[in-house]
């Protein structure tokens, strides 16, 4: 079940970031699918580690592009949200390892809000900054 569908408004205007966002959506959807099926602890942890790694790499690219486009006003808030998201994934890995996991519904809700909240509060501002820098 897809919990997040790619929409044109998710586009930032930077091809590498847009490709990253599409990939992260696929990972989040795949992770959600595994929650509803036979969810072994190892499988869930593997998905969370992959999500952490992919998100961390994406965030580093995004932060580099933010600085290159002179995106300084909200940079610290955007960076802090990246760190918050990575910390939440780390906590979920810990919870899975030690049997403290949340129920599937809570995790699915988190997965759904993870992308949408970050996009609407931070990436949408970055999109405007990139458009302004490019003269659009």
C-alpha atoms as a PDB file:
ATOM      1  CA  UNK A   1       0.000   0.000   0.000  1.00  0.00           C
ATOM      2  CA  UNK A   2       1.400   3.376  -0.993  1.00  0.00           C
ATOM      3  CA  UNK A   3       1.075   5.812   1.860  1.00  0.00           C
ATOM      4  CA  UNK A   4       2.808   8.586  -0.068  1.00  0.00           C
ATOM      5  CA  UNK A   5       2.344   9.302  -3.762  1.00  0.00           C
ATOM      6  CA  UNK A   6       4.802  11.525  -5.621  1.00  0.00           C
ATOM      7  CA  UNK A   7       3.154  14.815  -6.559  1.00  0.00           C
ATOM      8  CA  UNK A   8       4.563  17.549  -8.806  1.00  0.00           C
ATOM      9  CA  UNK A   9       4.459  20.017  -5.905  1.00  0.00           C
ATOM     10  CA  UNK A  10       7.100  17.897  -4.147  1.00  0.00           C
ATOM     11  CA  UNK A  11       9.586  18.959  -6.811  1.00  0.00           C
ATOM     12  CA  UNK A  12      12.268  21.283  -5.441  1.00  0.00           C
ATOM     13  CA  UNK A  13      13.702  22.209  -8.832  1.00  0.00           C
ATOM     14  CA  UNK A  14      17.041  20.497  -8.255  1.00  0.00           C
ATOM     15  CA  UNK A  15      17.141  17.201 -10.187  1.00  0.00           C
ATOM     16  CA  UNK A  16      19.322  15.358  -7.649  1.00  0.00           C
ATOM     17  CA  UNK A  17      17.084  16.386  -4.739  1.00  0.00           C
ATOM     18  CA  UNK A  18      13.932  15.499  -6.648  1.00  0.00           C
ATOM     19  CA  UNK A  19      15.411  12.062  -7.454  1.00  0.00           C
ATOM     20  CA  UNK A  20      16.310  11.652  -3.774  1.00  0.00           C
ATOM     21  CA  UNK A  21      12.779  12.572  -2.724  1.00  0.00           C
ATOM     22  CA  UNK A  22      11.284  10.037  -5.144  1.00  0.00           C
ATOM     23  CA  UNK A  23      13.629   7.365  -3.792  1.00  0.00           C
ATOM     24  CA  UNK A  24      12.812   8.244  -0.174  1.00  0.00           C
ATOM     25  CA  UNK A  25       9.104   7.962  -0.966  1.00  0.00           C
ATOM     26  CA  UNK A  26       9.712   4.485  -2.428  1.00  0.00           C
ATOM     27  CA  UNK A  27      11.649   3.507   0.726  1.00  0.00           C
ATOM     28  CA  UNK A  28       8.933   4.842   3.025  1.00  0.00           C
ATOM     29  CA  UNK A  29       6.245   2.991   1.065  1.00  0.00           C
ATOM     30  CA  UNK A  30       8.282  -0.231   1.062  1.00  0.00           C
ATOM     31  CA  UNK A  31       8.852   0.127   4.795  1.00  0.00           C
ATOM     32  CA  UNK A  32       5.131   0.622   5.368  1.00  0.00           C
ATOM     33  CA  UNK A  33       4.356  -2.480   3.277  1.00  0.00           C
ATOM     34  CA  UNK A  34       6.635  -4.594   5.459  1.00  0.00           C
ATOM     35  CA  UNK A  35       4.929  -3.382   8.614  1.00  0.00           C
ATOM     36  CA  UNK A  36       1.635  -4.896   7.543  1.00  0.00           C
ATOM     37  CA  UNK A  37       3.068  -8.242   6.455  1.00  0.00           C
ATOM     38  CA  UNK A  38       5.319 -10.725   8.182  1.00  0.00           C
ATOM     39  CA  UNK A  39       7.444  -8.254  10.038  1.00  0.00           C
ATOM     40  CA  UNK A  40      10.535  -9.849  11.412  1.00  0.00           C
ATOM     41  CA  UNK A  41      12.586  -7.638  13.659  1.00  0.00           C
ATOM     42  CA  UNK A  42      15.627  -8.018  11.368  1.00  0.00           C
ATOM     43  CA  UNK A  43      13.646  -6.965   8.281  1.00  0.00           C
ATOM     44  CA  UNK A  44      12.239  -3.870   9.971  1.00  0.00           C
ATOM     45  CA  UNK A  45      15.678  -2.934  11.297  1.00  0.00           C
ATOM     46  CA  UNK A  46      17.196  -3.396   7.824  1.00  0.00           C
ATOM     47  CA  UNK A  47      14.573  -1.064   6.338  1.00  0.00           C
ATOM     48  CA  UNK A  48      15.159   1.518   9.054  1.00  0.00           C
ATOM     49  CA  UNK A  49      18.935   1.394   8.569  1.00  0.00           C
ATOM     50  CA  UNK A  50      18.453   1.827   4.807  1.00  0.00           C
ATOM     51  CA  UNK A  51      16.094   4.741   5.453  1.00  0.00           C
ATOM     52  CA  UNK A  52      18.595   6.339   7.831  1.00  0.00           C
ATOM     53  CA  UNK A  53      21.465   5.958   5.369  1.00  0.00           C
ATOM     54  CA  UNK A  54      19.502   7.258   2.386  1.00  0.00           C
ATOM     55  CA  UNK A  55      18.021  10.177   4.332  1.00  0.00           C
ATOM     56  CA  UNK A  56      21.400  11.102   5.787  1.00  0.00           C
ATOM     57  CA  UNK A  57      23.001  11.159   2.325  1.00  0.00           C
ATOM     58  CA  UNK A  58      20.088  13.161   0.928  1.00  0.00           C
ATOM     59  CA  UNK A  59      20.215  15.663   3.764  1.00  0.00           C
ATOM     60  CA  UNK A  60      23.934  16.239   3.216  1.00  0.00           C
ATOM     61  CA  UNK A  61      23.311  16.913  -0.500  1.00  0.00           C
ATOM     62  CA  UNK A  62      20.367  19.157   0.292  1.00  0.00           C
ATOM     63  CA  UNK A  63      22.329  21.159   2.862  1.00  0.00           C
ATOM     64  CA  UNK A  64      25.170  21.678   0.366  1.00  0.00           C
ATOM     65  CA  UNK A  65      22.694  22.918  -2.250  1.00  0.00           C
ATOM     66  CA  UNK A  66      20.991  25.137   0.319  1.00  0.00           C
ATOM     67  CA  UNK A  67      24.270  26.885   1.070  1.00  0.00           C
ATOM     68  CA  UNK A  68      25.175  27.125  -2.627  1.00  0.00           C
ATOM     69  CA  UNK A  69      21.867  28.930  -3.323  1.00  0.00           C
ATOM     70  CA  UNK A  70      22.350  31.362  -0.450  1.00  0.00           C
ATOM     71  CA  UNK A  71      19.574  29.780   1.571  1.00  0.00           C
ATOM     72  CA  UNK A  72      20.640  31.196   4.904  1.00  0.00           C
ATOM     73  CA  UNK A  73      17.530  32.560   6.605  1.00  0.00           C
ATOM     74  CA  UNK A  74      16.047  29.209   7.551  1.00  0.00           C
ATOM     75  CA  UNK A  75      19.130  27.038   7.127  1.00  0.00           C
ATOM     76  CA  UNK A  76      19.555  26.329  10.849  1.00  0.00           C
ATOM     77  CA  UNK A  77      15.880  25.358  11.252  1.00  0.00           C
ATOM     78  CA  UNK A  78      16.013  23.159   8.168  1.00  0.00           C
ATOM     79  CA  UNK A  79      19.252  21.509   9.320  1.00  0.00           C
ATOM     80  CA  UNK A  80      17.785  20.979  12.808  1.00  0.00           C
ATOM     81  CA  UNK A  81      14.753  19.256  11.299  1.00  0.00           C
ATOM     82  CA  UNK A  82      17.067  16.944   9.365  1.00  0.00           C
ATOM     83  CA  UNK A  83      18.790  16.033  12.613  1.00  0.00           C
ATOM     84  CA  UNK A  84      15.433  15.525  14.357  1.00  0.00           C
ATOM     85  CA  UNK A  85      14.302  13.129  11.621  1.00  0.00           C
ATOM     86  CA  UNK A  86      17.550  11.143  11.777  1.00  0.00           C
ATOM     87  CA  UNK A  87      17.268  10.964  15.565  1.00  0.00           C
ATOM     88  CA  UNK A  88      13.726   9.625  15.269  1.00  0.00           C
ATOM     89  CA  UNK A  89      14.863   6.891  12.880  1.00  0.00           C
ATOM     90  CA  UNK A  90      17.723   6.045  15.258  1.00  0.00           C
ATOM     91  CA  UNK A  91      15.224   5.763  18.111  1.00  0.00           C
ATOM     92  CA  UNK A  92      13.003   3.497  16.017  1.00  0.00           C
ATOM     93  CA  UNK A  93      15.993   1.236  15.299  1.00  0.00           C
ATOM     94  CA  UNK A  94      16.727   1.089  19.044  1.00  0.00           C
ATOM     95  CA  UNK A  95      13.076   0.326  19.813  1.00  0.00           C
ATOM     96  CA  UNK A  96      13.079  -2.524  17.298  1.00  0.00           C
ATOM     97  CA  UNK A  97      16.340  -3.968  18.629  1.00  0.00           C
ATOM     98  CA  UNK A  98      15.132  -4.014  22.234  1.00  0.00           C
ATOM     99  CA  UNK A  99      11.511  -4.988  21.662  1.00  0.00           C
ATOM    100  CA  UNK A 100      10.112  -1.565  22.526  1.00  0.00           C
ATOM    101  CA  UNK A 101       8.581  -0.972  19.114  1.00  0.00           C
ATOM    102  CA  UNK A 102       5.455   1.071  18.580  1.00  0.00           C
ATOM    103  CA  UNK A 103       2.427  -0.528  17.019  1.00  0.00           C
ATOM    104  CA  UNK A 104       2.247  -0.663  13.235  1.00  0.00           C
ATOM    105  CA  UNK A 105      -0.358   2.090  13.032  1.00  0.00           C
ATOM    106  CA  UNK A 106       1.793   4.560  14.988  1.00  0.00           C
ATOM    107  CA  UNK A 107       4.784   3.747  12.804  1.00  0.00           C
ATOM    108  CA  UNK A 108       2.727   4.092   9.605  1.00  0.00           C
ATOM    109  CA  UNK A 109       1.414   7.465  10.773  1.00  0.00           C
ATOM    110  CA  UNK A 110       4.987   8.571  11.506  1.00  0.00           C
ATOM    111  CA  UNK A 111       6.137   7.410   8.057  1.00  0.00           C
ATOM    112  CA  UNK A 112       3.309   9.348   6.416  1.00  0.00           C
ATOM    113  CA  UNK A 113       3.929  12.557   8.333  1.00  0.00           C
ATOM    114  CA  UNK A 114       7.735  12.329   8.048  1.00  0.00           C
ATOM    115  CA  UNK A 115       7.836  13.367   4.412  1.00  0.00           C
ATOM    116  CA  UNK A 116       4.786  15.638   4.307  1.00  0.00           C
ATOM    117  CA  UNK A 117       5.654  17.705   7.367  1.00  0.00           C
ATOM    118  CA  UNK A 118       9.247  18.215   6.367  1.00  0.00           C
ATOM    119  CA  UNK A 119       8.288  19.123   2.818  1.00  0.00           C
ATOM    120  CA  UNK A 120       5.596  21.638   3.738  1.00  0.00           C
ATOM    121  CA  UNK A 121       7.581  23.325   6.500  1.00  0.00           C
ATOM    122  CA  UNK A 122      11.103  23.290   5.068  1.00  0.00           C
ATOM    123  CA  UNK A 123      11.495  21.975   1.520  1.00  0.00           C
ATOM    124  CA  UNK A 124       8.770  24.263   0.161  1.00  0.00           C
ATOM    125  CA  UNK A 125      10.782  27.272   1.420  1.00  0.00           C
ATOM    126  CA  UNK A 126      13.900  25.838  -0.182  1.00  0.00           C
ATOM    127  CA  UNK A 127      11.999  25.454  -3.454  1.00  0.00           C
ATOM    128  CA  UNK A 128      11.100  29.167  -3.390  1.00  0.00           C
ATOM    129  CA  UNK A 129      14.692  30.102  -2.594  1.00  0.00           C
ATOM    130  CA  UNK A 130      15.996  28.051  -5.513  1.00  0.00           C
ATOM    131  CA  UNK A 131      13.434  29.567  -7.865  1.00  0.00           C
ATOM    132  CA  UNK A 132      14.384  33.079  -6.746  1.00  0.00           C
ATOM    133  CA  UNK A 133      18.106  32.333  -7.147  1.00  0.00           C
ATOM    134  CA  UNK A 134      17.455  30.981 -10.648  1.00  0.00           C
ATOM    135  CA  UNK A 135      15.347  34.033 -11.537  1.00  0.00           C
ATOM    136  CA  UNK A 136      12.140  32.061 -11.991  1.00  0.00           C
END
